Structures are given as C-alpha cells and as structure tokens.
C-alpha cells in the first residue's frame, strides 16, 4: 500500500554530506530491508520505530510503502550477535521524507544502530512519486502510461521563434 502525506551506501552527489551547512530542507528517501525473522504481525511496529527516528531527527514524512516480504536476488549476510547469518528474503519498504542534511546524517547513525534492518539505502530525491507499478510494463517492454500523464501536442497555430528556441536550448546545455 502506498501512502501519500531508498546497503548503507549512497552516491557522492546525492549523499547528505554534500548538503551540509546549507540549512535548507531536502527530500530524502530510505529504502530498507527488514530481517525476515521478524514475525509478520510485528513488522509494522519496526516500521513505526523507523518513522519515529525520522521524526525525531527533524523529518516530516511525505509518502511511504508498507514493507512486503520479498525473495532476494542473492544472499545477504548480517552479523547477528557473534554469528554471520545469511538471508535470502527480507521485508522491503520505503519512506520518503523532508529534513535538513544534518538531520539526515543523524538519521543515518540511527539506522546503522537498528538491529532489525538488514540493509538500507538513503538517497536525496524529489517530492513527486516516481514509482511505476509492476502492471505498467507490457510483455514487450513498452511502458503503459495513463492518458492524463501523456504530454499533449502543441497546437500548430502557435508561433515558435526559432532564434528564441535555439537560445533556450543553448542555455540549458550550458547549464545556465
């Protein structure tokens, strides 16, 4: 279920560390894998702990998807006590939220300490949902897009100044 209101790695251009000192709130997403040994009826309480951690570090939830038990493509190992345990399945979910870069760093520390998380990925993202439901891709690989999302063609009677268009494209390419 998606509500509206992302390993412990992040790319260098999207990590909270690159935003430090800005003081401005950013939108982040944390995708997480919870241990499959958690009883299904207790999964929501573990998710609540992650949500409280986000809110406790100054975050405001934007959207989320409840975790579902998924088969993993490869075995992931986690140190449990003194033993390294391999897992072939986990509960996958995600939370999108807004917070400062400093808060995101605090959140990362809290997530690292959470024993019920197998892996997580914390990234900077956009507020809009970019989720594509599984049924949206046809067998041939074509993406099925709802009509309301498809861009409408520009009417032919609207004059377009070629020089203005070229200047706009040049400015976009130059990064202005």
N, C-alpha and C. Protein backbone atom coordinates (compact mmCIF):
# COMPACT_ATOMS: atom_id res chain seq x y z
N UNK A 1 0.84 -1.19 0.00
CA UNK A 1 0.00 0.00 0.00
C UNK A 1 0.88 1.24 0.00
N UNK A 2 0.59 2.20 -0.86
CA UNK A 2 1.35 3.44 -0.92
C UNK A 2 0.55 4.52 -0.22
N UNK A 3 1.20 5.21 0.71
CA UNK A 3 0.58 6.35 1.40
C UNK A 3 1.18 7.62 0.84
N UNK A 4 0.41 8.70 0.77
CA UNK A 4 1.00 9.97 0.40
C UNK A 4 0.83 10.94 1.55
N UNK A 5 1.43 11.68 2.04
CA UNK A 5 1.38 12.72 3.09
C UNK A 5 2.14 13.95 2.78
N UNK A 6 14.90 4.82 0.28
CA UNK A 6 15.90 4.41 -0.80
C UNK A 6 16.84 3.69 0.14
N UNK A 7 21.82 -1.69 1.56
CA UNK A 7 23.25 -1.43 1.70
C UNK A 7 23.41 -0.11 2.38
N UNK A 8 24.23 0.30 2.88
CA UNK A 8 24.50 1.52 3.61
C UNK A 8 25.37 2.41 2.75
N UNK A 9 25.02 2.52 1.49
CA UNK A 9 25.82 3.30 0.57
C UNK A 9 24.94 4.36 -0.06
N UNK A 10 25.57 5.46 -0.46
CA UNK A 10 24.87 6.46 -1.23
C UNK A 10 25.87 7.11 -2.17
N UNK A 11 25.42 7.52 -3.34
CA UNK A 11 26.35 8.11 -4.29
C UNK A 11 26.82 9.46 -3.77
N UNK A 12 28.02 9.85 -4.16
CA UNK A 12 28.63 11.05 -3.59
C UNK A 12 27.85 12.32 -3.91
N UNK A 13 27.20 12.40 -5.07
CA UNK A 13 26.47 13.61 -5.40
C UNK A 13 25.09 13.66 -4.75
N UNK A 14 24.64 12.57 -4.14
CA UNK A 14 23.34 12.57 -3.50
C UNK A 14 23.42 12.35 -2.01
N UNK A 15 24.59 12.27 -1.43
CA UNK A 15 24.69 11.98 -0.01
C UNK A 15 24.40 13.22 0.82
N UNK A 16 23.89 13.04 2.02
CA UNK A 16 23.61 14.18 2.89
C UNK A 16 24.85 15.01 3.18
N UNK A 17 26.04 14.39 3.15
CA UNK A 17 27.27 15.11 3.46
C UNK A 17 27.51 16.27 2.50
N UNK A 18 27.07 16.15 1.23
CA UNK A 18 27.31 17.21 0.26
C UNK A 18 26.43 18.43 0.49
N UNK A 19 25.39 18.32 1.31
CA UNK A 19 24.47 19.42 1.57
C UNK A 19 24.75 20.14 2.89
N UNK A 20 25.72 19.70 3.65
CA UNK A 20 25.96 20.27 4.98
C UNK A 20 26.20 21.77 4.93
N UNK A 21 25.72 22.44 5.93
CA UNK A 21 25.93 23.88 6.01
C UNK A 21 24.88 24.66 5.26
N UNK A 22 24.11 24.03 4.43
CA UNK A 22 23.10 24.70 3.64
C UNK A 22 21.92 25.13 4.52
N UNK A 23 21.55 24.29 5.51
CA UNK A 23 20.46 24.59 6.41
C UNK A 23 19.09 24.42 5.79
N UNK A 24 19.04 24.14 4.50
CA UNK A 24 17.79 24.02 3.77
C UNK A 24 17.29 22.57 3.85
N UNK A 25 15.98 22.41 3.96
CA UNK A 25 15.41 21.06 3.97
C UNK A 25 15.43 20.46 2.57
N UNK A 26 15.70 19.17 2.51
CA UNK A 26 15.73 18.41 1.27
C UNK A 26 14.77 17.24 1.39
N UNK A 27 14.42 16.66 0.27
CA UNK A 27 13.59 15.47 0.27
C UNK A 27 14.51 14.26 0.12
N UNK A 28 14.35 13.30 1.02
CA UNK A 28 15.14 12.07 1.01
C UNK A 28 14.20 10.88 0.94
N UNK A 29 14.78 9.76 0.54
CA UNK A 29 14.05 8.50 0.57
C UNK A 29 14.98 7.45 1.14
N UNK A 30 14.43 6.62 2.01
CA UNK A 30 15.19 5.49 2.53
C UNK A 30 14.45 4.22 2.12
N UNK A 31 15.15 3.38 1.38
CA UNK A 31 14.66 2.04 1.06
C UNK A 31 15.32 1.10 2.05
N UNK A 32 14.56 0.20 2.63
CA UNK A 32 15.13 -0.64 3.67
C UNK A 32 14.68 -2.09 3.51
N UNK A 33 15.52 -2.99 4.02
CA UNK A 33 15.21 -4.41 4.10
C UNK A 33 15.21 -4.80 5.57
N UNK A 34 14.06 -5.23 6.06
CA UNK A 34 13.95 -5.71 7.43
C UNK A 34 14.20 -7.22 7.45
N UNK A 35 14.76 -7.70 8.55
CA UNK A 35 15.06 -9.12 8.69
C UNK A 35 13.80 -9.97 8.52
N UNK A 36 13.89 -11.08 7.79
CA UNK A 36 12.72 -11.93 7.59
C UNK A 36 12.33 -12.71 8.84
N UNK A 37 13.20 -12.73 9.84
CA UNK A 37 12.91 -13.44 11.08
C UNK A 37 11.91 -12.69 11.96
N UNK A 38 11.59 -11.44 11.59
CA UNK A 38 10.60 -10.67 12.33
C UNK A 38 9.22 -11.25 12.02
N UNK A 39 8.42 -11.59 13.04
CA UNK A 39 7.06 -12.09 12.77
C UNK A 39 6.25 -11.03 12.01
N UNK A 40 5.45 -11.48 11.06
CA UNK A 40 4.70 -10.56 10.19
C UNK A 40 3.86 -9.55 10.97
N UNK A 41 3.28 -9.97 12.09
CA UNK A 41 2.44 -9.06 12.87
C UNK A 41 3.26 -7.99 13.60
N UNK A 42 4.59 -8.14 13.66
CA UNK A 42 5.45 -7.16 14.32
C UNK A 42 6.17 -6.23 13.35
N UNK A 43 6.03 -6.47 12.05
CA UNK A 43 6.73 -5.66 11.05
C UNK A 43 6.31 -4.19 11.16
N UNK A 44 5.01 -3.94 11.33
CA UNK A 44 4.53 -2.54 11.40
C UNK A 44 5.13 -1.80 12.59
N UNK A 45 5.37 -2.49 13.70
CA UNK A 45 5.98 -1.81 14.85
C UNK A 45 7.44 -1.46 14.56
N UNK A 46 8.13 -2.28 13.78
CA UNK A 46 9.52 -1.96 13.40
C UNK A 46 9.55 -0.77 12.44
N UNK A 47 8.56 -0.69 11.55
CA UNK A 47 8.45 0.45 10.64
C UNK A 47 8.14 1.71 11.44
N UNK A 48 7.28 1.59 12.46
CA UNK A 48 6.96 2.74 13.32
C UNK A 48 8.21 3.28 14.00
N UNK A 49 9.12 2.39 14.39
CA UNK A 49 10.38 2.83 15.01
C UNK A 49 11.21 3.65 14.02
N UNK A 50 11.23 3.22 12.75
CA UNK A 50 11.98 3.98 11.73
C UNK A 50 11.32 5.33 11.50
N UNK A 51 9.97 5.36 11.45
CA UNK A 51 9.25 6.63 11.28
C UNK A 51 9.52 7.57 12.45
N UNK A 52 9.53 7.03 13.68
CA UNK A 52 9.81 7.86 14.87
C UNK A 52 11.24 8.39 14.82
N UNK A 53 12.17 7.59 14.30
CA UNK A 53 13.54 8.04 14.15
C UNK A 53 13.62 9.21 13.17
N UNK A 54 12.89 9.10 12.06
CA UNK A 54 12.85 10.19 11.07
C UNK A 54 12.27 11.45 11.70
N UNK A 55 11.15 11.32 12.38
CA UNK A 55 10.52 12.49 13.01
C UNK A 55 11.37 13.03 14.15
N UNK A 56 12.07 12.15 14.86
CA UNK A 56 12.94 12.57 15.97
C UNK A 56 14.18 13.32 15.52
N UNK A 57 14.56 13.14 14.25
CA UNK A 57 15.73 13.87 13.72
C UNK A 57 15.29 15.05 12.86
N UNK A 58 14.03 15.48 13.04
CA UNK A 58 13.55 16.69 12.37
C UNK A 58 12.90 16.45 11.02
N UNK A 59 12.56 15.22 10.71
CA UNK A 59 11.97 14.92 9.41
C UNK A 59 10.46 14.96 9.42
N UNK A 60 9.91 15.18 8.23
CA UNK A 60 8.46 15.16 8.04
C UNK A 60 8.16 14.19 6.91
N UNK A 61 7.36 13.16 7.20
CA UNK A 61 7.06 12.14 6.19
C UNK A 61 6.28 12.73 5.03
N UNK A 62 6.63 12.29 3.80
CA UNK A 62 5.96 12.73 2.59
C UNK A 62 5.12 11.58 2.03
N UNK A 63 5.71 10.39 1.91
CA UNK A 63 4.99 9.22 1.43
C UNK A 63 5.74 7.96 1.84
N UNK A 64 5.08 6.81 1.69
CA UNK A 64 5.70 5.56 2.10
C UNK A 64 5.02 4.38 1.43
N UNK A 65 5.69 3.24 1.49
CA UNK A 65 5.07 1.99 1.07
C UNK A 65 5.34 0.96 2.16
N UNK A 66 4.28 0.27 2.57
CA UNK A 66 4.42 -0.75 3.60
C UNK A 66 5.34 -1.86 3.11
N UNK A 67 6.16 -2.41 4.01
CA UNK A 67 7.08 -3.48 3.59
C UNK A 67 6.34 -4.77 3.25
N UNK A 68 6.89 -5.46 2.25
CA UNK A 68 6.37 -6.75 1.82
C UNK A 68 7.54 -7.73 1.79
N UNK A 69 7.27 -8.97 2.14
CA UNK A 69 8.31 -9.99 2.12
C UNK A 69 8.69 -10.28 0.67
N UNK A 70 9.99 -10.15 0.37
CA UNK A 70 10.50 -10.34 -0.99
C UNK A 70 11.64 -11.35 -0.99
N UNK A 71 11.71 -12.12 -2.05
CA UNK A 71 12.85 -13.00 -2.25
C UNK A 71 14.00 -12.13 -2.76
N UNK A 72 15.20 -12.31 -2.22
CA UNK A 72 16.36 -11.51 -2.63
C UNK A 72 17.09 -12.21 -3.78
N UNK A 73 17.70 -11.42 -4.65
CA UNK A 73 18.43 -11.97 -5.79
C UNK A 73 19.67 -12.72 -5.37
N UNK A 74 20.22 -12.36 -4.23
CA UNK A 74 21.41 -13.03 -3.72
C UNK A 74 21.36 -13.02 -2.20
N UNK A 75 22.15 -13.86 -1.60
CA UNK A 75 22.18 -13.96 -0.14
C UNK A 75 22.89 -12.74 0.44
N UNK A 76 22.28 -12.14 1.46
CA UNK A 76 22.89 -11.03 2.17
C UNK A 76 23.22 -11.50 3.57
N UNK A 77 24.40 -11.11 4.04
CA UNK A 77 24.85 -11.53 5.36
C UNK A 77 24.77 -10.36 6.33
N UNK A 78 24.43 -10.70 7.57
CA UNK A 78 24.39 -9.71 8.65
C UNK A 78 24.97 -10.36 9.89
N UNK A 79 25.75 -9.59 10.62
CA UNK A 79 26.30 -10.07 11.87
C UNK A 79 25.22 -9.99 12.94
N UNK A 80 24.80 -11.15 13.44
CA UNK A 80 23.79 -11.23 14.49
C UNK A 80 24.49 -11.82 15.70
N UNK A 81 24.70 -10.97 16.72
CA UNK A 81 25.49 -11.40 17.88
C UNK A 81 26.93 -11.58 17.41
N UNK A 82 27.43 -12.80 17.52
CA UNK A 82 28.79 -13.09 17.05
C UNK A 82 28.77 -13.95 15.78
N UNK A 83 27.59 -14.23 15.26
CA UNK A 83 27.48 -15.09 14.08
C UNK A 83 27.10 -14.29 12.83
N UNK A 84 27.68 -14.68 11.71
CA UNK A 84 27.30 -14.11 10.42
C UNK A 84 26.18 -14.97 9.85
N UNK A 85 25.00 -14.37 9.66
CA UNK A 85 23.83 -15.11 9.21
C UNK A 85 23.47 -14.64 7.81
N UNK A 86 23.18 -15.61 6.91
CA UNK A 86 22.78 -15.30 5.54
C UNK A 86 21.27 -15.27 5.40
N UNK A 87 20.77 -14.33 4.62
CA UNK A 87 19.33 -14.18 4.39
C UNK A 87 19.06 -14.18 2.89
N UNK A 88 18.03 -14.92 2.46
CA UNK A 88 17.61 -14.99 1.05
C UNK A 88 16.29 -14.27 0.83
N UNK A 89 15.68 -13.73 1.89
CA UNK A 89 14.46 -12.95 1.76
C UNK A 89 14.48 -11.85 2.83
N UNK A 90 13.65 -10.83 2.63
CA UNK A 90 13.56 -9.73 3.58
C UNK A 90 12.29 -8.94 3.29
N UNK A 91 11.87 -8.16 4.27
CA UNK A 91 10.73 -7.25 4.09
C UNK A 91 11.26 -5.96 3.48
N UNK A 92 10.81 -5.63 2.26
CA UNK A 92 11.25 -4.40 1.60
C UNK A 92 10.18 -3.33 1.71
N UNK A 93 10.58 -2.13 2.11
CA UNK A 93 9.69 -0.98 2.17
C UNK A 93 10.49 0.30 1.96
N UNK A 94 9.80 1.40 1.84
CA UNK A 94 10.49 2.68 1.70
C UNK A 94 9.69 3.80 2.34
N UNK A 95 10.42 4.86 2.71
CA UNK A 95 9.83 6.06 3.31
C UNK A 95 10.44 7.27 2.62
N UNK A 96 9.61 8.21 2.23
CA UNK A 96 10.08 9.47 1.65
C UNK A 96 9.76 10.56 2.65
N UNK A 97 10.73 11.46 2.88
CA UNK A 97 10.57 12.46 3.91
C UNK A 97 11.41 13.69 3.59
N UNK A 98 11.10 14.77 4.29
CA UNK A 98 11.83 16.03 4.12
C UNK A 98 12.54 16.35 5.42
N UNK A 99 13.83 16.72 5.33
CA UNK A 99 14.60 17.11 6.51
C UNK A 99 15.88 17.81 6.07
N UNK A 100 16.59 18.37 7.04
CA UNK A 100 17.86 19.02 6.76
C UNK A 100 18.94 17.97 6.54
N UNK A 101 20.06 18.38 5.95
CA UNK A 101 21.18 17.46 5.73
C UNK A 101 21.75 16.98 7.06
N UNK A 102 21.78 17.87 8.05
CA UNK A 102 22.28 17.47 9.37
C UNK A 102 21.39 16.40 9.98
N UNK A 103 20.07 16.56 9.81
CA UNK A 103 19.13 15.56 10.30
C UNK A 103 19.30 14.23 9.59
N UNK A 104 19.61 14.29 8.28
CA UNK A 104 19.82 13.06 7.52
C UNK A 104 21.05 12.31 8.02
N UNK A 105 22.08 13.04 8.41
CA UNK A 105 23.27 12.39 8.98
C UNK A 105 22.95 11.74 10.32
N UNK A 106 22.15 12.41 11.14
CA UNK A 106 21.72 11.81 12.42
C UNK A 106 20.87 10.57 12.16
N UNK A 107 20.00 10.65 11.16
CA UNK A 107 19.16 9.51 10.81
C UNK A 107 20.03 8.32 10.39
N UNK A 108 21.05 8.58 9.59
CA UNK A 108 21.95 7.52 9.14
C UNK A 108 22.59 6.80 10.33
N UNK A 109 23.00 7.54 11.33
CA UNK A 109 23.59 6.94 12.53
C UNK A 109 22.56 6.05 13.23
N UNK A 110 21.33 6.54 13.34
CA UNK A 110 20.26 5.77 13.98
C UNK A 110 19.92 4.50 13.20
N UNK A 111 19.90 4.60 11.86
CA UNK A 111 19.61 3.42 11.04
C UNK A 111 20.72 2.39 11.16
N UNK A 112 21.97 2.86 11.25
CA UNK A 112 23.11 1.94 11.41
C UNK A 112 22.99 1.13 12.70
N UNK A 113 22.40 1.72 13.72
CA UNK A 113 22.27 1.05 15.02
C UNK A 113 21.07 0.12 15.10
N UNK A 114 20.14 0.22 14.15
CA UNK A 114 18.91 -0.57 14.18
C UNK A 114 19.20 -2.02 13.82
N UNK A 115 19.04 -2.92 14.78
CA UNK A 115 19.37 -4.34 14.62
C UNK A 115 18.41 -5.07 13.68
N UNK A 116 17.21 -4.52 13.46
CA UNK A 116 16.23 -5.22 12.62
C UNK A 116 16.38 -4.91 11.14
N UNK A 117 17.28 -3.99 10.79
CA UNK A 117 17.49 -3.63 9.39
C UNK A 117 18.64 -4.45 8.82
N UNK A 118 18.34 -5.18 7.74
CA UNK A 118 19.37 -5.95 7.05
C UNK A 118 20.25 -5.01 6.23
N UNK A 119 19.63 -4.17 5.42
CA UNK A 119 20.33 -3.15 4.63
C UNK A 119 19.38 -1.98 4.42
N UNK A 120 19.97 -0.83 4.08
CA UNK A 120 19.15 0.32 3.70
C UNK A 120 19.93 1.18 2.72
N UNK A 121 19.22 2.03 2.01
CA UNK A 121 19.81 2.97 1.08
C UNK A 121 19.13 4.31 1.31
N UNK A 122 19.91 5.32 1.64
CA UNK A 122 19.39 6.66 1.90
C UNK A 122 19.85 7.56 0.76
N UNK A 123 18.89 8.14 0.04
CA UNK A 123 19.22 9.00 -1.10
C UNK A 123 18.44 10.30 -1.05
N UNK A 124 18.99 11.32 -1.71
CA UNK A 124 18.28 12.57 -1.91
C UNK A 124 17.43 12.38 -3.17
N UNK A 125 16.17 12.85 -3.14
CA UNK A 125 15.26 12.61 -4.26
C UNK A 125 14.36 13.82 -4.46
N UNK A 126 13.26 13.61 -5.17
CA UNK A 126 12.26 14.67 -5.42
C UNK A 126 10.98 14.31 -4.68
N UNK A 127 10.15 15.30 -4.44
CA UNK A 127 8.92 15.09 -3.69
C UNK A 127 7.91 14.23 -4.46
N UNK A 128 7.86 14.37 -5.77
CA UNK A 128 6.89 13.64 -6.57
C UNK A 128 7.19 12.15 -6.50
N UNK A 129 6.13 11.32 -6.51
CA UNK A 129 6.31 9.88 -6.55
C UNK A 129 6.77 9.47 -7.94
N UNK A 130 7.83 8.70 -8.00
CA UNK A 130 8.38 8.24 -9.27
C UNK A 130 8.21 6.74 -9.42
N UNK A 131 7.30 6.18 -8.66
CA UNK A 131 7.04 4.75 -8.62
C UNK A 131 6.26 4.32 -9.86
N UNK A 132 6.71 3.27 -10.53
CA UNK A 132 5.99 2.71 -11.66
C UNK A 132 5.45 1.35 -11.24
N UNK A 133 4.13 1.20 -11.15
CA UNK A 133 3.56 -0.09 -10.73
C UNK A 133 3.97 -1.20 -11.69
N UNK A 134 4.09 -2.42 -11.16
CA UNK A 134 4.52 -3.57 -11.98
C UNK A 134 3.65 -3.78 -13.20
N UNK A 135 2.35 -3.58 -13.11
CA UNK A 135 1.45 -3.81 -14.23
C UNK A 135 1.57 -2.78 -15.33
N UNK A 136 2.43 -1.77 -15.17
CA UNK A 136 2.55 -0.70 -16.14
C UNK A 136 3.45 -1.05 -17.31
N UNK A 137 4.14 -2.18 -17.25
CA UNK A 137 5.06 -2.55 -18.31
C UNK A 137 4.49 -3.77 -19.03
N UNK A 138 4.31 -3.63 -20.36
CA UNK A 138 3.78 -4.73 -21.16
C UNK A 138 4.86 -5.77 -21.38
N UNK A 139 4.47 -6.94 -21.88
CA UNK A 139 5.42 -8.03 -22.10
C UNK A 139 6.56 -7.64 -23.02
N UNK A 140 6.29 -6.85 -24.03
CA UNK A 140 7.33 -6.43 -24.98
C UNK A 140 8.28 -5.40 -24.40
N UNK A 141 8.04 -4.97 -23.17
CA UNK A 141 8.91 -4.00 -22.52
C UNK A 141 8.43 -2.57 -22.65
N UNK A 142 7.31 -2.35 -23.34
CA UNK A 142 6.79 -0.99 -23.52
C UNK A 142 6.12 -0.52 -22.23
N UNK A 143 6.33 0.74 -21.90
CA UNK A 143 5.74 1.35 -20.71
C UNK A 143 4.33 1.84 -21.04
N UNK A 144 3.35 1.42 -20.26
CA UNK A 144 1.97 1.85 -20.44
C UNK A 144 1.76 3.04 -19.52
N UNK A 145 1.49 4.21 -20.11
CA UNK A 145 1.34 5.44 -19.34
C UNK A 145 -0.11 5.89 -19.41
N UNK A 146 -0.73 6.20 -18.25
CA UNK A 146 -2.11 6.68 -18.27
C UNK A 146 -2.24 7.96 -19.11
N UNK A 147 -3.40 8.15 -19.74
CA UNK A 147 -3.62 9.28 -20.64
C UNK A 147 -3.34 10.63 -19.97
N UNK A 148 -3.73 10.76 -18.69
CA UNK A 148 -3.56 12.06 -18.04
C UNK A 148 -2.10 12.44 -17.84
N UNK A 149 -1.18 11.48 -17.99
CA UNK A 149 0.24 11.75 -17.81
C UNK A 149 0.91 12.10 -19.13
N UNK A 150 0.34 11.66 -20.24
CA UNK A 150 0.94 11.88 -21.55
C UNK A 150 0.85 13.36 -21.92
N UNK A 151 1.97 13.92 -22.37
CA UNK A 151 2.01 15.32 -22.78
C UNK A 151 1.14 15.52 -24.02
N UNK A 152 0.41 16.60 -24.02
CA UNK A 152 -0.44 16.93 -25.16
C UNK A 152 0.39 17.68 -26.21
N UNK A 153 0.15 17.44 -27.49
CA UNK A 153 0.92 18.14 -28.53
C UNK A 153 0.61 19.63 -28.53
N UNK A 154 1.60 20.41 -28.94
CA UNK A 154 1.44 21.86 -29.04
C UNK A 154 0.62 22.15 -30.29
N UNK A 155 -0.41 23.00 -30.16
CA UNK A 155 -1.21 23.34 -31.34
C UNK A 155 -0.33 23.95 -32.43
N UNK A 156 -0.65 23.63 -33.69
CA UNK A 156 0.18 24.08 -34.82
C UNK A 156 0.09 25.57 -35.07
N UNK A 157 -0.97 26.23 -34.61
CA UNK A 157 -1.13 27.64 -34.88
C UNK A 157 -0.37 28.54 -33.91
N UNK A 158 0.40 27.95 -32.96
CA UNK A 158 1.19 28.73 -32.02
C UNK A 158 2.54 29.02 -32.67
N UNK A 159 2.87 30.31 -32.86
CA UNK A 159 4.15 30.64 -33.50
C UNK A 159 5.32 30.35 -32.55
N UNK A 160 6.37 29.77 -33.10
CA UNK A 160 7.57 29.47 -32.31
C UNK A 160 8.74 30.19 -32.98
N UNK A 161 9.39 31.07 -32.23
CA UNK A 161 10.54 31.80 -32.74
C UNK A 161 11.77 30.88 -32.66
N UNK A 162 12.31 30.55 -33.81
CA UNK A 162 13.44 29.62 -33.89
C UNK A 162 14.64 30.15 -33.11
N UNK A 163 14.93 31.45 -33.22
CA UNK A 163 16.08 32.01 -32.50
C UNK A 163 15.91 31.90 -30.99
N UNK A 164 14.71 32.19 -30.49
CA UNK A 164 14.42 32.07 -29.06
C UNK A 164 14.59 30.62 -28.59
N UNK A 165 14.09 29.70 -29.39
CA UNK A 165 14.20 28.29 -29.06
C UNK A 165 15.67 27.86 -29.01
N UNK A 166 16.46 28.29 -30.00
CA UNK A 166 17.89 27.96 -30.03
C UNK A 166 18.62 28.53 -28.81
N UNK A 167 18.29 29.74 -28.42
CA UNK A 167 18.91 30.36 -27.23
C UNK A 167 18.56 29.58 -25.97
N UNK A 168 17.30 29.17 -25.86
CA UNK A 168 16.87 28.40 -24.69
C UNK A 168 17.59 27.06 -24.62
N UNK A 169 17.73 26.40 -25.76
CA UNK A 169 18.43 25.12 -25.78
C UNK A 169 19.90 25.31 -25.44
N UNK A 170 20.53 26.34 -25.98
CA UNK A 170 21.94 26.62 -25.67
C UNK A 170 22.13 26.89 -24.18
N UNK A 171 21.19 27.63 -23.59
CA UNK A 171 21.28 27.94 -22.16
C UNK A 171 21.14 26.67 -21.33
N UNK A 172 20.22 25.78 -21.72
CA UNK A 172 20.05 24.52 -21.00
C UNK A 172 21.30 23.64 -21.10
N UNK A 173 21.87 23.57 -22.30
CA UNK A 173 23.06 22.74 -22.50
C UNK A 173 24.25 23.31 -21.71
N UNK A 174 24.34 24.63 -21.65
CA UNK A 174 25.45 25.28 -20.93
C UNK A 174 25.25 25.20 -19.42
N UNK A 175 24.07 24.82 -18.98
CA UNK A 175 23.80 24.68 -17.54
C UNK A 175 23.46 25.99 -16.85
N UNK A 176 22.99 26.95 -17.60
CA UNK A 176 22.64 28.27 -17.01
C UNK A 176 21.31 28.25 -16.37
